[in-house]
Amino acid sequence: MKKPVIAGIAVVVIILGIVIYSSMNLMGHRVEVCLTYNGLSRCKIASGSTEEFATRTAHDNACGEIASGVTDTMGCGRTTPTKVTVLK
């Protein structure tokens, strides 16, 4: 093979390695959040770059299953979780 082809392949491999490595580091925290709203309960697990981001994401995901409409979604978003477990 010619040198430019080998150099191009090497650059692609390096870029793929950087992308894979950086995306693995973004999921450094896993959190399970359980909450109850309007008599319904859900627990969700989420990952994120920070514990706070993972907690917020899990909370929003749980609300997405038990709240309907804008008013319910906003109310659920303000609900204090019944349980927060840091998994990683």
N, C-alpha and C. Protein backbone atom coordinates (compact mmCIF):
# COMPACT_ATOMS: atom_id res chain seq x y z
N MET A 1 0.83 -1.18 0.00
CA MET A 1 0.00 0.00 0.00
C MET A 1 0.87 1.24 0.00
N LYS A 2 0.27 2.32 -0.48
CA LYS A 2 0.99 3.58 -0.52
C LYS A 2 0.95 4.26 0.84
N LYS A 3 1.95 5.10 1.07
CA LYS A 3 2.07 5.79 2.35
C LYS A 3 0.86 6.65 2.69
N PRO A 4 0.26 7.40 1.76
CA PRO A 4 -0.92 8.21 2.11
C PRO A 4 -2.11 7.34 2.57
N VAL A 5 -2.26 6.16 2.00
CA VAL A 5 -3.35 5.27 2.40
C VAL A 5 -3.12 4.76 3.82
N ILE A 6 -1.90 4.36 4.12
CA ILE A 6 -1.56 3.89 5.46
C ILE A 6 -1.75 5.01 6.48
N ALA A 7 -1.32 6.22 6.13
CA ALA A 7 -1.47 7.37 7.03
C ALA A 7 -2.96 7.67 7.27
N GLY A 8 -3.77 7.58 6.24
CA GLY A 8 -5.22 7.81 6.36
C GLY A 8 -5.87 6.79 7.27
N ILE A 9 -5.50 5.52 7.10
CA ILE A 9 -6.05 4.46 7.95
C ILE A 9 -5.64 4.68 9.41
N ALA A 10 -4.39 5.08 9.62
CA ALA A 10 -3.90 5.34 10.97
C ALA A 10 -4.67 6.49 11.63
N VAL A 11 -4.94 7.53 10.88
CA VAL A 11 -5.69 8.68 11.41
C VAL A 11 -7.11 8.25 11.80
N VAL A 12 -7.76 7.47 10.96
CA VAL A 12 -9.12 6.99 11.25
C VAL A 12 -9.13 6.12 12.51
N VAL A 13 -8.16 5.25 12.65
CA VAL A 13 -8.08 4.38 13.82
C VAL A 13 -7.86 5.21 15.09
N ILE A 14 -7.01 6.21 15.02
CA ILE A 14 -6.75 7.08 16.17
C ILE A 14 -8.01 7.84 16.56
N ILE A 15 -8.72 8.40 15.59
CA ILE A 15 -9.95 9.14 15.87
C ILE A 15 -11.00 8.23 16.49
N LEU A 16 -11.17 7.03 15.96
CA LEU A 16 -12.13 6.08 16.53
C LEU A 16 -11.76 5.72 17.97
N GLY A 17 -10.48 5.54 18.23
CA GLY A 17 -10.03 5.24 19.58
C GLY A 17 -10.35 6.37 20.55
N ILE A 18 -10.13 7.60 20.11
CA ILE A 18 -10.43 8.76 20.97
C ILE A 18 -11.93 8.85 21.24
N VAL A 19 -12.75 8.64 20.23
CA VAL A 19 -14.20 8.70 20.41
C VAL A 19 -14.68 7.63 21.38
N ILE A 20 -14.20 6.42 21.22
CA ILE A 20 -14.61 5.31 22.10
C ILE A 20 -14.14 5.58 23.53
N TYR A 21 -12.92 6.01 23.71
CA TYR A 21 -12.39 6.29 25.05
C TYR A 21 -13.16 7.40 25.73
N SER A 22 -13.44 8.48 25.01
CA SER A 22 -14.13 9.61 25.64
C SER A 22 -15.58 9.27 25.97
N SER A 23 -16.24 8.47 25.16
CA SER A 23 -17.62 8.12 25.49
C SER A 23 -17.69 7.15 26.65
N MET A 24 -16.67 6.35 26.88
CA MET A 24 -16.66 5.47 28.03
C MET A 24 -16.49 6.28 29.32
N ASN A 25 -15.73 7.34 29.28
CA ASN A 25 -15.53 8.17 30.46
C ASN A 25 -16.74 9.03 30.80
N LEU A 26 -17.60 9.33 29.84
CA LEU A 26 -18.77 10.15 30.09
C LEU A 26 -19.77 9.45 31.00
N MET A 27 -19.77 8.16 31.01
CA MET A 27 -20.72 7.41 31.80
C MET A 27 -20.09 6.95 33.12
N GLY A 28 -19.41 7.85 33.78
CA GLY A 28 -18.69 7.52 34.99
C GLY A 28 -19.57 7.31 36.22
N HIS A 29 -20.83 7.75 36.18
CA HIS A 29 -21.70 7.65 37.33
C HIS A 29 -23.02 6.99 36.92
N ARG A 30 -23.49 6.02 37.74
CA ARG A 30 -24.79 5.39 37.53
C ARG A 30 -25.62 5.57 38.78
N VAL A 31 -26.86 6.00 38.60
CA VAL A 31 -27.73 6.28 39.73
C VAL A 31 -29.11 5.69 39.47
N GLU A 32 -29.71 5.11 40.50
CA GLU A 32 -31.10 4.65 40.42
C GLU A 32 -31.94 5.60 41.25
N VAL A 33 -33.02 6.10 40.65
CA VAL A 33 -33.93 7.02 41.34
C VAL A 33 -35.32 6.39 41.33
N CYS A 34 -35.94 6.34 42.52
CA CYS A 34 -37.32 5.88 42.64
C CYS A 34 -38.15 7.05 43.13
N LEU A 35 -39.34 7.22 42.54
CA LEU A 35 -40.21 8.28 42.99
C LEU A 35 -41.67 7.87 42.85
N THR A 36 -42.52 8.55 43.62
CA THR A 36 -43.95 8.31 43.59
C THR A 36 -44.63 9.64 43.28
N TYR A 37 -45.56 9.60 42.31
CA TYR A 37 -46.30 10.80 41.93
C TYR A 37 -47.70 10.38 41.54
N ASN A 38 -48.69 11.03 42.09
CA ASN A 38 -50.11 10.73 41.82
C ASN A 38 -50.44 9.26 42.03
N GLY A 39 -49.85 8.65 43.05
CA GLY A 39 -50.13 7.27 43.37
C GLY A 39 -49.39 6.24 42.53
N LEU A 40 -48.59 6.67 41.58
CA LEU A 40 -47.81 5.76 40.74
C LEU A 40 -46.34 5.84 41.13
N SER A 41 -45.68 4.70 41.12
CA SER A 41 -44.25 4.66 41.47
C SER A 41 -43.44 4.09 40.32
N ARG A 42 -42.25 4.62 40.13
CA ARG A 42 -41.32 4.11 39.13
C ARG A 42 -39.90 4.28 39.64
N CYS A 43 -39.03 3.35 39.23
CA CYS A 43 -37.60 3.45 39.48
C CYS A 43 -36.89 3.41 38.13
N LYS A 44 -35.92 4.25 37.95
CA LYS A 44 -35.15 4.30 36.71
C LYS A 44 -33.67 4.44 37.03
N ILE A 45 -32.85 3.84 36.17
CA ILE A 45 -31.40 3.93 36.28
C ILE A 45 -30.89 4.76 35.10
N ALA A 46 -29.96 5.67 35.40
CA ALA A 46 -29.36 6.48 34.35
C ALA A 46 -27.86 6.64 34.63
N SER A 47 -27.13 6.91 33.57
CA SER A 47 -25.69 7.15 33.66
C SER A 47 -25.39 8.57 33.20
N GLY A 48 -24.30 9.12 33.72
CA GLY A 48 -23.93 10.46 33.31
C GLY A 48 -22.51 10.79 33.70
N SER A 49 -22.05 11.94 33.24
CA SER A 49 -20.68 12.36 33.51
C SER A 49 -20.51 12.81 34.96
N THR A 50 -21.61 13.25 35.59
CA THR A 50 -21.58 13.60 37.01
C THR A 50 -22.73 12.88 37.71
N GLU A 51 -22.61 12.75 39.02
CA GLU A 51 -23.68 12.10 39.79
C GLU A 51 -24.97 12.92 39.71
N GLU A 52 -24.84 14.23 39.74
CA GLU A 52 -26.02 15.11 39.66
C GLU A 52 -26.73 14.95 38.32
N PHE A 53 -25.97 14.89 37.23
CA PHE A 53 -26.57 14.73 35.90
C PHE A 53 -27.26 13.37 35.78
N ALA A 54 -26.64 12.32 36.29
CA ALA A 54 -27.24 10.99 36.24
C ALA A 54 -28.52 10.94 37.08
N THR A 55 -28.51 11.59 38.24
CA THR A 55 -29.69 11.63 39.10
C THR A 55 -30.84 12.38 38.41
N ARG A 56 -30.54 13.51 37.83
CA ARG A 56 -31.56 14.31 37.13
C ARG A 56 -32.14 13.52 35.95
N THR A 57 -31.29 12.84 35.20
CA THR A 57 -31.75 12.07 34.05
C THR A 57 -32.66 10.92 34.48
N ALA A 58 -32.27 10.21 35.53
CA ALA A 58 -33.10 9.11 36.03
C ALA A 58 -34.44 9.63 36.53
N HIS A 59 -34.42 10.77 37.22
CA HIS A 59 -35.65 11.39 37.73
C HIS A 59 -36.57 11.76 36.56
N ASP A 60 -36.02 12.39 35.55
CA ASP A 60 -36.82 12.78 34.38
C ASP A 60 -37.38 11.57 33.64
N ASN A 61 -36.59 10.50 33.55
CA ASN A 61 -37.06 9.29 32.88
C ASN A 61 -38.21 8.64 33.64
N ALA A 62 -38.12 8.63 34.97
CA ALA A 62 -39.20 8.07 35.78
C ALA A 62 -40.46 8.91 35.62
N CYS A 63 -40.31 10.21 35.63
CA CYS A 63 -41.47 11.10 35.44
C CYS A 63 -42.09 10.91 34.06
N GLY A 64 -41.27 10.62 33.08
CA GLY A 64 -41.79 10.42 31.73
C GLY A 64 -42.76 9.26 31.63
N GLU A 65 -42.64 8.29 32.53
CA GLU A 65 -43.53 7.14 32.50
C GLU A 65 -44.79 7.32 33.34
N ILE A 66 -44.74 8.19 34.36
CA ILE A 66 -45.90 8.29 35.24
C ILE A 66 -46.65 9.62 35.14
N ALA A 67 -46.11 10.58 34.44
CA ALA A 67 -46.79 11.87 34.29
C ALA A 67 -47.30 12.03 32.86
N SER A 68 -48.46 12.68 32.75
CA SER A 68 -48.99 12.95 31.41
C SER A 68 -49.38 14.41 31.33
N GLY A 69 -48.96 15.06 30.28
CA GLY A 69 -49.26 16.47 30.12
C GLY A 69 -48.22 17.36 30.77
N VAL A 70 -48.29 18.62 30.43
CA VAL A 70 -47.29 19.58 30.90
C VAL A 70 -47.39 19.80 32.40
N THR A 71 -48.59 19.95 32.92
CA THR A 71 -48.76 20.22 34.35
C THR A 71 -48.26 19.06 35.19
N ASP A 72 -48.63 17.83 34.81
CA ASP A 72 -48.15 16.66 35.54
C ASP A 72 -46.63 16.53 35.46
N THR A 73 -46.08 16.77 34.29
CA THR A 73 -44.63 16.66 34.10
C THR A 73 -43.89 17.66 34.98
N MET A 74 -44.40 18.88 35.05
CA MET A 74 -43.75 19.90 35.90
C MET A 74 -43.89 19.54 37.38
N GLY A 75 -45.06 19.04 37.77
CA GLY A 75 -45.26 18.64 39.16
C GLY A 75 -44.39 17.47 39.54
N CYS A 76 -44.30 16.50 38.67
CA CYS A 76 -43.46 15.33 38.92
C CYS A 76 -41.99 15.74 39.00
N GLY A 77 -41.59 16.67 38.16
CA GLY A 77 -40.21 17.13 38.17
C GLY A 77 -39.80 17.77 39.49
N ARG A 78 -40.78 18.31 40.23
CA ARG A 78 -40.50 18.93 41.52
C ARG A 78 -40.63 17.95 42.69
N THR A 79 -41.05 16.71 42.40
CA THR A 79 -41.24 15.71 43.44
C THR A 79 -39.89 15.22 43.97
N THR A 80 -39.80 15.10 45.27
CA THR A 80 -38.59 14.56 45.89
C THR A 80 -38.58 13.05 45.72
N PRO A 81 -37.49 12.47 45.24
CA PRO A 81 -37.41 11.02 45.07
C PRO A 81 -37.59 10.28 46.40
N THR A 82 -38.22 9.11 46.33
CA THR A 82 -38.37 8.30 47.53
C THR A 82 -37.09 7.54 47.84
N LYS A 83 -36.27 7.29 46.79
CA LYS A 83 -35.01 6.58 47.00
C LYS A 83 -34.03 6.98 45.90
N VAL A 84 -32.81 7.24 46.29
CA VAL A 84 -31.72 7.50 45.34
C VAL A 84 -30.57 6.59 45.72
N THR A 85 -30.16 5.73 44.78
CA THR A 85 -29.07 4.80 45.03
C THR A 85 -27.96 5.03 44.03
N VAL A 86 -26.77 5.34 44.51
CA VAL A 86 -25.61 5.51 43.63
C VAL A 86 -25.05 4.12 43.36
N LEU A 87 -25.07 3.71 42.10
CA LEU A 87 -24.62 2.38 41.71
C LEU A 87 -23.15 2.35 41.33
N LYS A 88 -22.63 3.45 40.82
CA LYS A 88 -21.23 3.48 40.38
C LYS A 88 -20.70 4.88 40.47
